């Protein structure tokens, strides 16, 4: 479990630093990244939200392992995360 927590911390750090470095809306970047992480492939991460960044080999390895952990979740747990993401995205649209 400690490995998964460390990977999550790495992913959040990467998201924050990438979003802050570009001046992009951090919430939009994070939600796009999270959506792709939940339902996309690792390649879609690099072509989509991370497409404009030079992601080094170690970060790619960490993201691939994080994606593997997410893909290993029980289907009902992954579905609940997707529902939560939809709920958050919906609340942003109405704000």
PDB file of N, CA and C in Angstrom:
ATOM      1  N   UNK A   1       0.816  -1.193   0.000  1.00  0.00           N
ATOM      2  CA  UNK A   1       0.000   0.000   0.000  1.00  0.00           C
ATOM      3  C   UNK A   1       0.861   1.259   0.000  1.00  0.00           C
ATOM      4  N   UNK A   2       2.039   1.182   0.660  1.00  0.00           N
ATOM      5  CA  UNK A   2       2.910   2.351   0.685  1.00  0.00           C
ATOM      6  C   UNK A   2       3.361   2.725  -0.717  1.00  0.00           C
ATOM      7  N   UNK A   3       3.607   1.729  -1.564  1.00  0.00           N
ATOM      8  CA  UNK A   3       4.015   2.001  -2.941  1.00  0.00           C
ATOM      9  C   UNK A   3       2.934   2.740  -3.702  1.00  0.00           C
ATOM     10  N   UNK A   4       1.687   2.344  -3.509  1.00  0.00           N
ATOM     11  CA  UNK A   4       0.575   3.016  -4.183  1.00  0.00           C
ATOM     12  C   UNK A   4       0.441   4.451  -3.711  1.00  0.00           C
ATOM     13  N   UNK A   5       0.621   4.667  -2.420  1.00  0.00           N
ATOM     14  CA  UNK A   5       0.543   6.025  -1.880  1.00  0.00           C
ATOM     15  C   UNK A   5       1.660   6.891  -2.436  1.00  0.00           C
ATOM     16  N   UNK A   6       2.836   6.318  -2.538  1.00  0.00           N
ATOM     17  CA  UNK A   6       3.967   7.072  -3.090  1.00  0.00           C
ATOM     18  C   UNK A   6       3.720   7.419  -4.551  1.00  0.00           C
ATOM     19  N   UNK A   7       3.155   6.489  -5.305  1.00  0.00           N
ATOM     20  CA  UNK A   7       2.849   6.759  -6.711  1.00  0.00           C
ATOM     21  C   UNK A   7       1.808   7.861  -6.849  1.00  0.00           C
ATOM     22  N   UNK A   8       0.814   7.828  -5.980  1.00  0.00           N
ATOM     23  CA  UNK A   8      -0.213   8.864  -6.021  1.00  0.00           C
ATOM     24  C   UNK A   8       0.410  10.221  -5.715  1.00  0.00           C
ATOM     25  N   UNK A   9       1.309  10.259  -4.741  1.00  0.00           N
ATOM     26  CA  UNK A   9       1.983  11.504  -4.400  1.00  0.00           C
ATOM     27  C   UNK A   9       2.804  12.022  -5.576  1.00  0.00           C
ATOM     28  N   UNK A  10       3.494  11.119  -6.264  1.00  0.00           N
ATOM     29  CA  UNK A  10       4.276  11.503  -7.444  1.00  0.00           C
ATOM     30  C   UNK A  10       3.355  12.075  -8.516  1.00  0.00           C
ATOM     31  N   UNK A  11       2.224  11.424  -8.732  1.00  0.00           N
ATOM     32  CA  UNK A  11       1.287  11.892  -9.768  1.00  0.00           C
ATOM     33  C   UNK A  11       0.734  13.275  -9.430  1.00  0.00           C
ATOM     34  N   UNK A  12       0.359  13.487  -8.179  1.00  0.00           N
ATOM     35  CA  UNK A  12      -0.182  14.780  -7.778  1.00  0.00           C
ATOM     36  C   UNK A  12       0.886  15.864  -7.905  1.00  0.00           C
ATOM     37  N   UNK A  13       2.118  15.540  -7.503  1.00  0.00           N
ATOM     38  CA  UNK A  13       3.218  16.499  -7.635  1.00  0.00           C
ATOM     39  C   UNK A  13       3.445  16.857  -9.092  1.00  0.00           C
ATOM     40  N   UNK A  14       3.432  15.847  -9.956  1.00  0.00           N
ATOM     41  CA  UNK A  14       3.609  16.082 -11.388  1.00  0.00           C
ATOM     42  C   UNK A  14       2.491  16.968 -11.932  1.00  0.00           C
ATOM     43  N   UNK A  15       1.273  16.679 -11.535  1.00  0.00           N
ATOM     44  CA  UNK A  15       0.134  17.468 -11.995  1.00  0.00           C
ATOM     45  C   UNK A  15       0.250  18.923 -11.564  1.00  0.00           C
ATOM     46  N   UNK A  16       0.573  19.113 -10.308  1.00  0.00           N
ATOM     47  CA  UNK A  16       0.662  20.485  -9.798  1.00  0.00           C
ATOM     48  C   UNK A  16       1.783  21.252 -10.478  1.00  0.00           C
ATOM     49  N   UNK A  17       2.938  20.615 -10.619  1.00  0.00           N
ATOM     50  CA  UNK A  17       4.065  21.332 -11.220  1.00  0.00           C
ATOM     51  C   UNK A  17       3.811  21.611 -12.700  1.00  0.00           C
ATOM     52  N   UNK A  18       3.213  20.676 -13.408  1.00  0.00           N
ATOM     53  CA  UNK A  18       2.924  20.899 -14.829  1.00  0.00           C
ATOM     54  C   UNK A  18       1.880  21.991 -14.996  1.00  0.00           C
ATOM     55  N   UNK A  19       0.832  21.940 -14.233  1.00  0.00           N
ATOM     56  CA  UNK A  19      -0.214  22.935 -14.331  1.00  0.00           C
ATOM     57  C   UNK A  19       0.270  24.318 -13.943  1.00  0.00           C
ATOM     58  N   UNK A  20       1.049  24.413 -12.890  1.00  0.00           N
ATOM     59  CA  UNK A  20       1.547  25.708 -12.445  1.00  0.00           C
ATOM     60  C   UNK A  20       2.562  26.279 -13.424  1.00  0.00           C
ATOM     61  N   UNK A  21       3.364  25.405 -14.024  1.00  0.00           N
ATOM     62  CA  UNK A  21       4.400  25.874 -14.940  1.00  0.00           C
ATOM     63  C   UNK A  21       3.811  26.483 -16.202  1.00  0.00           C
ATOM     64  N   UNK A  22       2.643  26.040 -16.607  1.00  0.00           N
ATOM     65  CA  UNK A  22       2.065  26.529 -17.854  1.00  0.00           C
ATOM     66  C   UNK A  22       1.098  27.678 -17.649  1.00  0.00           C
ATOM     67  N   UNK A  23       0.713  27.921 -16.403  1.00  0.00           N
ATOM     68  CA  UNK A  23      -0.281  28.957 -16.154  1.00  0.00           C
ATOM     69  C   UNK A  23      -1.683  28.496 -16.512  1.00  0.00           C
ATOM     70  N   UNK A  24      -1.819  27.231 -16.875  1.00  0.00           N
ATOM     71  CA  UNK A  24      -3.115  26.657 -17.244  1.00  0.00           C
ATOM     72  C   UNK A  24      -3.982  26.536 -15.996  1.00  0.00           C
ATOM     73  N   UNK A  25      -5.273  26.524 -16.196  1.00  0.00           N
ATOM     74  CA  UNK A  25      -6.198  26.311 -15.093  1.00  0.00           C
ATOM     75  C   UNK A  25      -5.896  24.949 -14.481  1.00  0.00           C
ATOM     76  N   UNK A  26      -5.439  24.949 -13.231  1.00  0.00           N
ATOM     77  CA  UNK A  26      -5.031  23.711 -12.570  1.00  0.00           C
ATOM     78  C   UNK A  26      -6.178  22.722 -12.444  1.00  0.00           C
ATOM     79  N   UNK A  27      -7.368  23.212 -12.170  1.00  0.00           N
ATOM     80  CA  UNK A  27      -8.511  22.316 -12.006  1.00  0.00           C
ATOM     81  C   UNK A  27      -8.825  21.607 -13.316  1.00  0.00           C
ATOM     82  N   UNK A  28      -8.835  22.353 -14.408  1.00  0.00           N
ATOM     83  CA  UNK A  28      -9.125  21.763 -15.713  1.00  0.00           C
ATOM     84  C   UNK A  28      -8.073  20.718 -16.080  1.00  0.00           C
ATOM     85  N   UNK A  29      -6.809  21.051 -15.883  1.00  0.00           N
ATOM     86  CA  UNK A  29      -5.733  20.120 -16.176  1.00  0.00           C
ATOM     87  C   UNK A  29      -5.862  18.858 -15.331  1.00  0.00           C
ATOM     88  N   UNK A  30      -6.086  19.043 -14.022  1.00  0.00           N
ATOM     89  CA  UNK A  30      -6.182  17.912 -13.115  1.00  0.00           C
ATOM     90  C   UNK A  30      -7.348  17.008 -13.489  1.00  0.00           C
ATOM     91  N   UNK A  31      -8.503  17.599 -13.790  1.00  0.00           N
ATOM     92  CA  UNK A  31      -9.672  16.787 -14.113  1.00  0.00           C
ATOM     93  C   UNK A  31      -9.474  16.029 -15.425  1.00  0.00           C
ATOM     94  N   UNK A  32      -8.846  16.657 -16.409  1.00  0.00           N
ATOM     95  CA  UNK A  32      -8.558  15.985 -17.674  1.00  0.00           C
ATOM     96  C   UNK A  32      -7.582  14.837 -17.447  1.00  0.00           C
ATOM     97  N   UNK A  33      -6.566  15.090 -16.647  1.00  0.00           N
ATOM     98  CA  UNK A  33      -5.582  14.056 -16.327  1.00  0.00           C
ATOM     99  C   UNK A  33      -6.250  12.901 -15.593  1.00  0.00           C
ATOM    100  N   UNK A  34      -7.051  13.219 -14.578  1.00  0.00           N
ATOM    101  CA  UNK A  34      -7.710  12.188 -13.783  1.00  0.00           C
ATOM    102  C   UNK A  34      -8.668  11.358 -14.628  1.00  0.00           C
ATOM    103  N   UNK A  35      -9.431  12.024 -15.494  1.00  0.00           N
ATOM    104  CA  UNK A  35     -10.357  11.302 -16.371  1.00  0.00           C
ATOM    105  C   UNK A  35      -9.583  10.330 -17.273  1.00  0.00           C
ATOM    106  N   UNK A  36      -8.494  10.801 -17.842  1.00  0.00           N
ATOM    107  CA  UNK A  36      -7.691   9.943 -18.720  1.00  0.00           C
ATOM    108  C   UNK A  36      -7.061   8.812 -17.930  1.00  0.00           C
ATOM    109  N   UNK A  37      -6.618   9.102 -16.715  1.00  0.00           N
ATOM    110  CA  UNK A  37      -6.020   8.078 -15.870  1.00  0.00           C
ATOM    111  C   UNK A  37      -7.026   6.987 -15.523  1.00  0.00           C
ATOM    112  N   UNK A  38      -8.275   7.392 -15.284  1.00  0.00           N
ATOM    113  CA  UNK A  38      -9.310   6.417 -14.909  1.00  0.00           C
ATOM    114  C   UNK A  38      -9.783   5.572 -16.079  1.00  0.00           C
ATOM    115  N   UNK A  39      -9.986   6.182 -17.247  1.00  0.00           N
ATOM    116  CA  UNK A  39     -10.632   5.456 -18.337  1.00  0.00           C
ATOM    117  C   UNK A  39      -9.801   5.376 -19.613  1.00  0.00           C
ATOM    118  N   UNK A  40      -8.645   6.012 -19.636  1.00  0.00           N
ATOM    119  CA  UNK A  40      -7.815   5.998 -20.842  1.00  0.00           C
ATOM    120  C   UNK A  40      -6.638   5.047 -20.717  1.00  0.00           C
ATOM    121  N   UNK A  41      -5.743   5.161 -21.662  1.00  0.00           N
ATOM    122  CA  UNK A  41      -4.529   4.343 -21.660  1.00  0.00           C
ATOM    123  C   UNK A  41      -3.333   5.228 -21.309  1.00  0.00           C
ATOM    124  N   UNK A  42      -2.197   4.623 -20.945  1.00  0.00           N
ATOM    125  CA  UNK A  42      -1.000   5.443 -20.705  1.00  0.00           C
ATOM    126  C   UNK A  42      -0.635   6.309 -21.908  1.00  0.00           C
ATOM    127  N   UNK A  43      -0.773   5.761 -23.116  1.00  0.00           N
ATOM    128  CA  UNK A  43      -0.470   6.553 -24.317  1.00  0.00           C
ATOM    129  C   UNK A  43      -1.382   7.771 -24.422  1.00  0.00           C
ATOM    130  N   UNK A  44      -2.652   7.612 -24.044  1.00  0.00           N
ATOM    131  CA  UNK A  44      -3.585   8.737 -24.085  1.00  0.00           C
ATOM    132  C   UNK A  44      -3.192   9.831 -23.087  1.00  0.00           C
ATOM    133  N   UNK A  45      -2.545   9.432 -21.992  1.00  0.00           N
ATOM    134  CA  UNK A  45      -2.050  10.431 -21.043  1.00  0.00           C
ATOM    135  C   UNK A  45      -0.998  11.321 -21.695  1.00  0.00           C
ATOM    136  N   UNK A  46      -0.075  10.684 -22.439  1.00  0.00           N
ATOM    137  CA  UNK A  46       1.036  11.437 -23.040  1.00  0.00           C
ATOM    138  C   UNK A  46       0.598  12.222 -24.270  1.00  0.00           C
ATOM    139  N   UNK A  47      -0.440  11.752 -24.945  1.00  0.00           N
ATOM    140  CA  UNK A  47      -0.958  12.465 -26.115  1.00  0.00           C
ATOM    141  C   UNK A  47      -1.945  13.553 -25.700  1.00  0.00           C
ATOM    142  N   UNK A  48      -2.615  13.359 -24.554  1.00  0.00           N
ATOM    143  CA  UNK A  48      -3.634  14.296 -24.091  1.00  0.00           C
ATOM    144  C   UNK A  48      -3.088  15.294 -23.092  1.00  0.00           C
ATOM    145  N   UNK A  49      -3.428  15.103 -21.811  1.00  0.00           N
ATOM    146  CA  UNK A  49      -3.090  16.119 -20.808  1.00  0.00           C
ATOM    147  C   UNK A  49      -1.590  16.391 -20.673  1.00  0.00           C
ATOM    148  N   UNK A  50      -0.770  15.387 -20.893  1.00  0.00           N
ATOM    149  CA  UNK A  50       0.676  15.573 -20.737  1.00  0.00           C
ATOM    150  C   UNK A  50       1.377  15.811 -22.065  1.00  0.00           C
ATOM    151  N   UNK A  51       0.599  15.966 -23.139  1.00  0.00           N
ATOM    152  CA  UNK A  51       1.154  16.076 -24.482  1.00  0.00           C
ATOM    153  C   UNK A  51       2.133  17.210 -24.685  1.00  0.00           C
ATOM    154  N   UNK A  52       1.959  18.308 -23.976  1.00  0.00           N
ATOM    155  CA  UNK A  52       2.848  19.446 -24.198  1.00  0.00           C
ATOM    156  C   UNK A  52       4.047  19.466 -23.253  1.00  0.00           C
ATOM    157  N   UNK A  53       4.202  18.389 -22.478  1.00  0.00           N
ATOM    158  CA  UNK A  53       5.309  18.308 -21.523  1.00  0.00           C
ATOM    159  C   UNK A  53       6.284  17.214 -21.930  1.00  0.00           C
ATOM    160  N   UNK A  54       7.526  17.410 -21.579  1.00  0.00           N
ATOM    161  CA  UNK A  54       8.557  16.406 -21.810  1.00  0.00           C
ATOM    162  C   UNK A  54       8.610  15.512 -20.570  1.00  0.00           C
ATOM    163  N   UNK A  55       7.894  14.403 -20.616  1.00  0.00           N
ATOM    164  CA  UNK A  55       7.818  13.490 -19.475  1.00  0.00           C
ATOM    165  C   UNK A  55       8.999  12.530 -19.560  1.00  0.00           C
ATOM    166  N   UNK A  56       9.857  12.558 -18.532  1.00  0.00           N
ATOM    167  CA  UNK A  56      11.049  11.700 -18.566  1.00  0.00           C
ATOM    168  C   UNK A  56      10.688  10.236 -18.307  1.00  0.00           C
ATOM    169  N   UNK A  57      11.650   9.372 -18.525  1.00  0.00           N
ATOM    170  CA  UNK A  57      11.422   7.922 -18.444  1.00  0.00           C
ATOM    171  C   UNK A  57      10.975   7.483 -17.055  1.00  0.00           C
ATOM    172  N   UNK A  58      11.543   8.077 -16.006  1.00  0.00           N
ATOM    173  CA  UNK A  58      11.154   7.691 -14.644  1.00  0.00           C
ATOM    174  C   UNK A  58       9.711   8.090 -14.349  1.00  0.00           C
ATOM    175  N   UNK A  59       9.311   9.280 -14.801  1.00  0.00           N
ATOM    176  CA  UNK A  59       7.930   9.718 -14.596  1.00  0.00           C
ATOM    177  C   UNK A  59       6.970   8.833 -15.391  1.00  0.00           C
ATOM    178  N   UNK A  60       7.365   8.459 -16.619  1.00  0.00           N
ATOM    179  CA  UNK A  60       6.521   7.560 -17.424  1.00  0.00           C
ATOM    180  C   UNK A  60       6.359   6.211 -16.734  1.00  0.00           C
ATOM    181  N   UNK A  61       7.444   5.700 -16.144  1.00  0.00           N
ATOM    182  CA  UNK A  61       7.375   4.424 -15.432  1.00  0.00           C
ATOM    183  C   UNK A  61       6.436   4.538 -14.231  1.00  0.00           C
ATOM    184  N   UNK A  62       6.527   5.651 -13.501  1.00  0.00           N
ATOM    185  CA  UNK A  62       5.656   5.855 -12.344  1.00  0.00           C
ATOM    186  C   UNK A  62       4.196   5.965 -12.774  1.00  0.00           C
ATOM    187  N   UNK A  63       3.937   6.703 -13.845  1.00  0.00           N
ATOM    188  CA  UNK A  63       2.568   6.851 -14.332  1.00  0.00           C
ATOM    189  C   UNK A  63       2.004   5.531 -14.847  1.00  0.00           C
ATOM    190  N   UNK A  64       2.839   4.750 -15.504  1.00  0.00           N
ATOM    191  CA  UNK A  64       2.401   3.442 -15.992  1.00  0.00           C
ATOM    192  C   UNK A  64       2.042   2.536 -14.825  1.00  0.00           C
ATOM    193  N   UNK A  65       2.837   2.584 -13.756  1.00  0.00           N
ATOM    194  CA  UNK A  65       2.534   1.763 -12.583  1.00  0.00           C
ATOM    195  C   UNK A  65       1.276   2.262 -11.875  1.00  0.00           C
ATOM    196  N   UNK A  66       1.117   3.580 -11.794  1.00  0.00           N
ATOM    197  CA  UNK A  66      -0.095   4.140 -11.199  1.00  0.00           C
ATOM    198  C   UNK A  66      -1.324   3.715 -11.996  1.00  0.00           C
ATOM    199  N   UNK A  67      -1.230   3.789 -13.324  1.00  0.00           N
ATOM    200  CA  UNK A  67      -2.334   3.364 -14.187  1.00  0.00           C
ATOM    201  C   UNK A  67      -2.640   1.886 -13.966  1.00  0.00           C
ATOM    202  N   UNK A  68      -1.606   1.095 -13.801  1.00  0.00           N
ATOM    203  CA  UNK A  68      -1.783  -0.330 -13.545  1.00  0.00           C
ATOM    204  C   UNK A  68      -2.529  -0.557 -12.222  1.00  0.00           C
ATOM    205  N   UNK A  69      -2.188   0.221 -11.203  1.00  0.00           N
ATOM    206  CA  UNK A  69      -2.890   0.114  -9.918  1.00  0.00           C
ATOM    207  C   UNK A  69      -4.367   0.461 -10.075  1.00  0.00           C
ATOM    208  N   UNK A  70      -4.640   1.532 -10.806  1.00  0.00           N
ATOM    209  CA  UNK A  70      -6.029   1.945 -11.023  1.00  0.00           C
ATOM    210  C   UNK A  70      -6.777   0.879 -11.813  1.00  0.00           C
ATOM    211  N   UNK A  71      -6.133   0.335 -12.845  1.00  0.00           N
ATOM    212  CA  UNK A  71      -6.771  -0.712 -13.645  1.00  0.00           C
ATOM    213  C   UNK A  71      -7.010  -1.974 -12.828  1.00  0.00           C
ATOM    214  N   UNK A  72      -6.234  -2.164 -11.762  1.00  0.00           N
ATOM    215  CA  UNK A  72      -6.375  -3.335 -10.903  1.00  0.00           C
ATOM    216  C   UNK A  72      -7.461  -3.198  -9.848  1.00  0.00           C
ATOM    217  N   UNK A  73      -8.086  -2.032  -9.779  1.00  0.00           N
ATOM    218  CA  UNK A  73      -9.175  -1.847  -8.811  1.00  0.00           C
ATOM    219  C   UNK A  73     -10.361  -2.738  -9.163  1.00  0.00           C
ATOM    220  N   UNK A  74     -11.126  -3.072  -8.150  1.00  0.00           N
ATOM    221  CA  UNK A  74     -12.364  -3.800  -8.396  1.00  0.00           C
ATOM    222  C   UNK A  74     -13.240  -2.943  -9.307  1.00  0.00           C
ATOM    223  N   UNK A  75     -13.938  -3.552 -10.257  1.00  0.00           N
ATOM    224  CA  UNK A  75     -14.775  -2.773 -11.181  1.00  0.00           C
ATOM    225  C   UNK A  75     -15.743  -1.818 -10.482  1.00  0.00           C
ATOM    226  N   UNK A  76     -16.332  -2.253  -9.369  1.00  0.00           N
ATOM    227  CA  UNK A  76     -17.279  -1.368  -8.678  1.00  0.00           C
ATOM    228  C   UNK A  76     -16.573  -0.163  -8.073  1.00  0.00           C
ATOM    229  N   UNK A  77     -15.335  -0.338  -7.613  1.00  0.00           N
ATOM    230  CA  UNK A  77     -14.594   0.786  -7.044  1.00  0.00           C
ATOM    231  C   UNK A  77     -14.181   1.774  -8.133  1.00  0.00           C
ATOM    232  N   UNK A  78     -13.751   1.247  -9.257  1.00  0.00           N
ATOM    233  CA  UNK A  78     -13.388   2.112 -10.380  1.00  0.00           C
ATOM    234  C   UNK A  78     -14.628   2.866 -10.877  1.00  0.00           C
ATOM    235  N   UNK A  79     -15.760   2.193 -10.935  1.00  0.00           N
ATOM    236  CA  UNK A  79     -17.005   2.834 -11.364  1.00  0.00           C
ATOM    237  C   UNK A  79     -17.383   3.964 -10.410  1.00  0.00           C
ATOM    238  N   UNK A  80     -17.173   3.766  -9.115  1.00  0.00           N
ATOM    239  CA  UNK A  80     -17.483   4.814  -8.142  1.00  0.00           C
ATOM    240  C   UNK A  80     -16.555   6.012  -8.319  1.00  0.00           C
ATOM    241  N   UNK A  81     -15.301   5.774  -8.660  1.00  0.00           N
ATOM    242  CA  UNK A  81     -14.380   6.882  -8.928  1.00  0.00           C
ATOM    243  C   UNK A  81     -14.812   7.659 -10.172  1.00  0.00           C
ATOM    244  N   UNK A  82     -15.253   6.947 -11.185  1.00  0.00           N
ATOM    245  CA  UNK A  82     -15.736   7.603 -12.397  1.00  0.00           C
ATOM    246  C   UNK A  82     -16.986   8.427 -12.071  1.00  0.00           C
ATOM    247  N   UNK A  83     -17.903   7.873 -11.262  1.00  0.00           N
ATOM    248  CA  UNK A  83     -19.104   8.621 -10.859  1.00  0.00           C
ATOM    249  C   UNK A  83     -18.720   9.891 -10.107  1.00  0.00           C
ATOM    250  N   UNK A  84     -17.728   9.779  -9.229  1.00  0.00           N
ATOM    251  CA  UNK A  84     -17.273  10.940  -8.474  1.00  0.00           C
ATOM    252  C   UNK A  84     -16.699  11.995  -9.410  1.00  0.00           C
ATOM    253  N   UNK A  85     -15.919  11.567 -10.380  1.00  0.00           N
ATOM    254  CA  UNK A  85     -15.357  12.500 -11.353  1.00  0.00           C
ATOM    255  C   UNK A  85     -16.464  13.202 -12.130  1.00  0.00           C
ATOM    256  N   UNK A  86     -17.479  12.460 -12.558  1.00  0.00           N
ATOM    257  CA  UNK A  86     -18.611  13.046 -13.288  1.00  0.00           C
ATOM    258  C   UNK A  86     -19.334  14.049 -12.395  1.00  0.00           C
ATOM    259  N   UNK A  87     -19.491  13.709 -11.133  1.00  0.00           N
ATOM    260  CA  UNK A  87     -20.152  14.613 -10.190  1.00  0.00           C
ATOM    261  C   UNK A  87     -19.355  15.904 -10.028  1.00  0.00           C
ATOM    262  N   UNK A  88     -18.043  15.791  -9.888  1.00  0.00           N
ATOM    263  CA  UNK A  88     -17.184  16.976  -9.737  1.00  0.00           C
ATOM    264  C   UNK A  88     -17.221  17.814 -11.006  1.00  0.00           C
ATOM    265  N   UNK A  89     -17.127  17.171 -12.156  1.00  0.00           N
ATOM    266  CA  UNK A  89     -17.176  17.898 -13.417  1.00  0.00           C
ATOM    267  C   UNK A  89     -18.514  18.612 -13.586  1.00  0.00           C
ATOM    268  N   UNK A  90     -19.589  17.950 -13.169  1.00  0.00           N
ATOM    269  CA  UNK A  90     -20.915  18.556 -13.253  1.00  0.00           C
ATOM    270  C   UNK A  90     -21.055  19.759 -12.343  1.00  0.00           C
ATOM    271  N   UNK A  91     -20.447  19.708 -11.173  1.00  0.00           N
ATOM    272  CA  UNK A  91     -20.540  20.835 -10.251  1.00  0.00           C
ATOM    273  C   UNK A  91     -19.727  22.013 -10.737  1.00  0.00           C
ATOM    274  N   UNK A  92     -18.641  21.745 -11.486  1.00  0.00           N
ATOM    275  CA  UNK A  92     -17.847  22.828 -12.077  1.00  0.00           C
ATOM    276  C   UNK A  92     -18.624  23.522 -13.174  1.00  0.00           C
ATOM    277  N   UNK A  93     -19.375  22.761 -13.949  1.00  0.00           N
ATOM    278  CA  UNK A  93     -20.147  23.335 -15.052  1.00  0.00           C
ATOM    279  C   UNK A  93     -21.235  24.275 -14.535  1.00  0.00           C
ATOM    280  N   UNK A  94     -21.806  23.939 -13.379  1.00  0.00           N
ATOM    281  CA  UNK A  94     -22.880  24.759 -12.845  1.00  0.00           C
ATOM    282  C   UNK A  94     -22.374  25.924 -12.011  1.00  0.00           C
ATOM    283  N   UNK A  95     -21.071  25.950 -11.743  1.00  0.00           N
ATOM    284  CA  UNK A  95     -20.499  27.036 -10.917  1.00  0.00           C
ATOM    285  C   UNK A  95     -20.245  28.276 -11.732  1.00  0.00           C
TER     286      UNK A  95
END
